[in-house]
Amino acid sequence: MDILLIAGLWLDGSAWDDVVPELTALGHRPVALTLPGQGDGDRAATLDDQLAAVADAVDAAPGRPLVVGHSAAAGLAWLAADARPEKVAKVALVGGFPAADGSAYADLFPIEDGVMPFPGWDPFEGPDAADLDEEARRRLAAAAVPVPEGVARGTVRLRDERRFDVPVLLVCPEFTPAQAKQWIAGGESPELARARDLAYADLDSGHWPMTTRPRALARVLAEAATHG
């Protein structure tokens, strides 16, 4: 199966470099996406531009792909399911939850000169970054791409209720499936509360398993694709 890989904030397609060969070895066709404004130098890119790029990748897949969104890009993967509900076979959300209709995509940190720079590691101390050694932190920070304001503050627009028929796998890295279920039951993810086919996968890692546990993450995604 084609597996489209969308990294979260500040990351380009190279974030999946350690996952791609593992998925290939497991018999799948991974495609790591570099989004407009996150790796191509376009500081004027918008959320709509990023969604168009993902939708184009979905359309280009010969079959019905698994769309994987990491962190904030869980919202982008869900937007792809909304835009192409008949074409997306399944959505896998890694350490993130889809934003609700009408909300800002990822207005999480200060905007400086039209972009949202990587804020450093202080906001992520604790379970998020516990399994990142100093070299991994240095490497991730050095590769971080400031996110255009038009992406971070873009408004999420969900239009097609057929998205709730698309199967969802919530991969739980720095939190547990039990915690995720409690959050969803408590109203913290209205979109996932309405998903008709929602499964969970526990992955013992921090927030960036593509860096710290790429083989384990690849196995989880391959399993999702195989039983899509």
Foldseek 3Di string as FASTA:
>chain_A
DEEEEEEDAQAAQCLLVLQQVLLVVVPYHYDRGGFVQRPPPHLPDAQVRRLVVVLVVLVPDPAQYEYEYAALCLQSQLLSCLVCVPRHQAYEYALYAHDDAFAFSALDADDDPQWAADPACVVPPDLQCPQPDPVNSVVSNVSGGTGGPNYRGPGDHGDHPSSLARAYEYEAESDAPVVVVVCVVVPVHVSPVSRPHYHYHYHHGHRSCSPRPSNVVSVVVSVVRVVD
